[in-house]
Amino acid sequence: MTSTPTSVAVAPLTIQDAEALVATACTAAEAAGVTVAVTVLDAGGHLLAFRRDDRAVLVAGETSTRKAYTALQLGAPTAELVDAVKPGGLFHTLPTALDRPLLFIAGGVPVFRDGRLVGAVGVGGGAPEQDHGFATAAVEALA
């Protein structure tokens, strides 16, 4: 009798992956003349890597981390979730319903490997659309 595996092992994000995500996002931001903070979380929401440009506003560190956490928890880019927290939206009360705050501002992007969620990257410090672009560029370069 042949057995079919019920699950396929997917490699988790490594520190090398996390450092590559940070480097790519920072390089994209620097090329655009934007100072940012970048956070990379593993699938469990644990910090793998963080960098804040010394010229970035201090709050960028907090926003990058919350964006990454939000993208990880909901498995979607935060740019796609902004409307969901508006009055009448699917997640209208979600930002205040949890112990750890979510942040529904563009700049958080989940990282998938072989269709499985393995982590997330968050960028803060630029305009939301810029942060989303930097995070997306990092995730695409890793793939």
Protein backbone atom coordinates (compact mmCIF):
# COMPACT_ATOMS: atom_id res chain seq x y z
CA MET A 1 0.00 0.00 0.00
CA THR A 2 1.36 3.40 -0.95
CA SER A 3 0.84 6.27 1.38
CA THR A 4 0.43 9.83 0.27
CA PRO A 5 2.05 12.47 2.39
CA THR A 6 -0.52 14.66 4.07
CA SER A 7 1.80 17.63 4.23
CA VAL A 8 4.93 18.78 2.50
CA ALA A 9 7.68 20.38 4.52
CA VAL A 10 8.30 23.97 3.56
CA ALA A 11 11.56 25.62 4.50
CA PRO A 12 11.07 28.42 7.01
CA LEU A 13 12.54 31.86 6.52
CA THR A 14 16.19 31.85 7.47
CA ILE A 15 18.22 34.71 8.87
CA GLN A 16 19.83 34.93 5.42
CA ASP A 17 16.36 35.31 3.85
CA ALA A 18 15.48 37.98 6.41
CA GLU A 19 18.70 39.89 5.81
CA ALA A 20 18.10 39.74 2.04
CA LEU A 21 14.57 41.10 2.51
CA VAL A 22 15.88 43.97 4.63
CA ALA A 23 18.72 44.75 2.22
CA THR A 24 16.45 44.76 -0.85
CA ALA A 25 13.79 46.94 0.78
CA CYS A 26 16.42 49.39 2.07
CA THR A 27 18.15 49.56 -1.31
CA ALA A 28 14.83 50.30 -3.04
CA ALA A 29 14.04 52.99 -0.47
CA GLU A 30 17.49 54.56 -0.75
CA ALA A 31 17.17 54.64 -4.55
CA ALA A 32 13.91 56.57 -4.10
CA GLY A 33 15.48 58.93 -1.56
CA VAL A 34 13.27 57.66 1.27
CA THR A 35 14.47 56.79 4.78
CA VAL A 36 12.68 53.76 6.22
CA ALA A 37 12.57 51.04 8.83
CA VAL A 38 12.16 47.41 7.76
CA THR A 39 10.92 44.52 9.90
CA VAL A 40 10.94 40.83 9.01
CA LEU A 41 8.90 38.35 11.05
CA ASP A 42 8.90 34.56 10.83
CA ALA A 43 5.71 32.49 10.52
CA GLY A 44 5.20 32.60 14.29
CA GLY A 45 5.38 36.40 14.40
CA HIS A 46 8.87 36.44 15.91
CA LEU A 47 11.38 39.09 14.89
CA LEU A 48 14.02 37.80 12.45
CA ALA A 49 15.50 41.09 11.27
CA PHE A 50 15.06 44.82 11.76
CA ARG A 51 16.76 47.92 10.46
CA ARG A 52 15.86 51.58 10.87
CA ASP A 53 17.77 54.15 8.89
CA ASP A 54 19.21 56.59 11.42
CA ARG A 55 17.51 59.43 9.55
CA ALA A 56 14.06 57.78 9.52
CA VAL A 57 11.40 59.07 11.88
CA LEU A 58 11.33 57.04 15.09
CA VAL A 59 7.75 55.88 14.58
CA ALA A 60 8.84 54.12 11.37
CA GLY A 61 10.22 51.26 13.47
CA GLU A 62 6.88 50.70 15.17
CA THR A 63 4.84 51.04 11.98
CA SER A 64 7.08 48.64 10.04
CA THR A 65 6.67 46.02 12.75
CA ARG A 66 2.90 46.42 13.00
CA LYS A 67 2.52 46.31 9.22
CA ALA A 68 4.52 43.07 9.06
CA TYR A 69 2.46 41.58 11.90
CA THR A 70 -0.82 42.56 10.22
CA ALA A 71 0.23 41.08 6.86
CA LEU A 72 1.30 37.90 8.65
CA GLN A 73 -1.87 37.50 10.71
CA LEU A 74 -4.20 38.05 7.76
CA GLY A 75 -2.02 36.52 5.05
CA ALA A 76 -2.46 39.50 2.75
CA PRO A 77 -0.68 42.73 1.90
CA THR A 78 -1.84 45.55 4.15
CA ALA A 79 -2.43 47.65 1.02
CA GLU A 80 -5.29 45.27 0.16
CA LEU A 81 -6.84 45.52 3.64
CA VAL A 82 -7.20 49.29 4.07
CA ASP A 83 -10.87 49.38 3.00
CA ALA A 84 -11.72 46.44 5.27
CA VAL A 85 -11.33 48.58 8.42
CA LYS A 86 -13.47 51.47 7.26
CA PRO A 87 -16.92 51.75 8.87
CA GLY A 88 -19.03 48.89 7.58
CA GLY A 89 -15.92 46.97 6.45
CA LEU A 90 -15.32 43.32 7.26
CA PHE A 91 -12.58 44.12 9.81
CA HIS A 92 -13.92 47.45 11.10
CA THR A 93 -13.44 46.56 14.79
CA LEU A 94 -10.45 44.24 14.38
CA PRO A 95 -7.72 46.86 15.04
CA THR A 96 -8.99 47.32 18.60
CA ALA A 97 -10.13 43.75 19.27
CA LEU A 98 -6.72 42.17 19.78
CA ASP A 99 -4.02 42.51 22.42
CA ARG A 100 -1.34 43.18 19.81
CA PRO A 101 -2.35 46.06 17.56
CA LEU A 102 -2.73 45.63 13.84
CA LEU A 103 -1.97 48.44 11.41
CA PHE A 104 -3.99 48.74 8.22
CA ILE A 105 -1.66 51.01 6.26
CA ALA A 106 0.11 49.88 3.08
CA GLY A 107 3.63 48.57 3.63
CA GLY A 108 3.18 45.07 5.04
CA VAL A 109 3.54 42.08 2.71
CA PRO A 110 3.31 38.38 3.59
CA VAL A 111 6.02 36.00 2.41
CA PHE A 112 4.85 32.71 0.92
CA ARG A 113 7.01 29.73 0.00
CA ASP A 114 5.45 26.90 -2.01
CA GLY A 115 2.02 28.30 -1.18
CA ARG A 116 2.64 28.36 2.60
CA LEU A 117 2.88 31.51 4.71
CA VAL A 118 6.41 31.62 6.14
CA GLY A 119 6.67 35.20 7.34
CA ALA A 120 6.13 38.83 6.49
CA VAL A 121 8.03 42.03 5.81
CA GLY A 122 6.93 45.49 6.87
CA VAL A 123 8.27 48.86 5.76
CA GLY A 124 7.55 52.19 7.43
CA GLY A 125 8.82 55.71 6.90
CA GLY A 126 7.71 56.61 3.39
CA ALA A 127 4.28 57.27 1.96
CA PRO A 128 2.12 54.13 2.25
CA GLU A 129 2.35 53.44 -1.50
CA GLN A 130 6.15 53.77 -1.35
CA ASP A 131 6.41 51.45 1.65
CA HIS A 132 4.24 48.89 -0.15
CA GLY A 133 6.48 49.12 -3.22
CA PHE A 134 9.65 48.61 -1.20
CA ALA A 135 8.21 45.63 0.68
CA THR A 136 6.85 44.08 -2.51
CA ALA A 137 10.21 44.52 -4.27
CA ALA A 138 11.92 42.69 -1.39
CA VAL A 139 9.46 39.78 -1.42
CA GLU A 140 9.65 39.46 -5.21
CA ALA A 141 13.46 39.46 -5.13
CA LEU A 142 13.45 36.68 -2.53
CA ALA A 143 11.15 34.49 -4.67
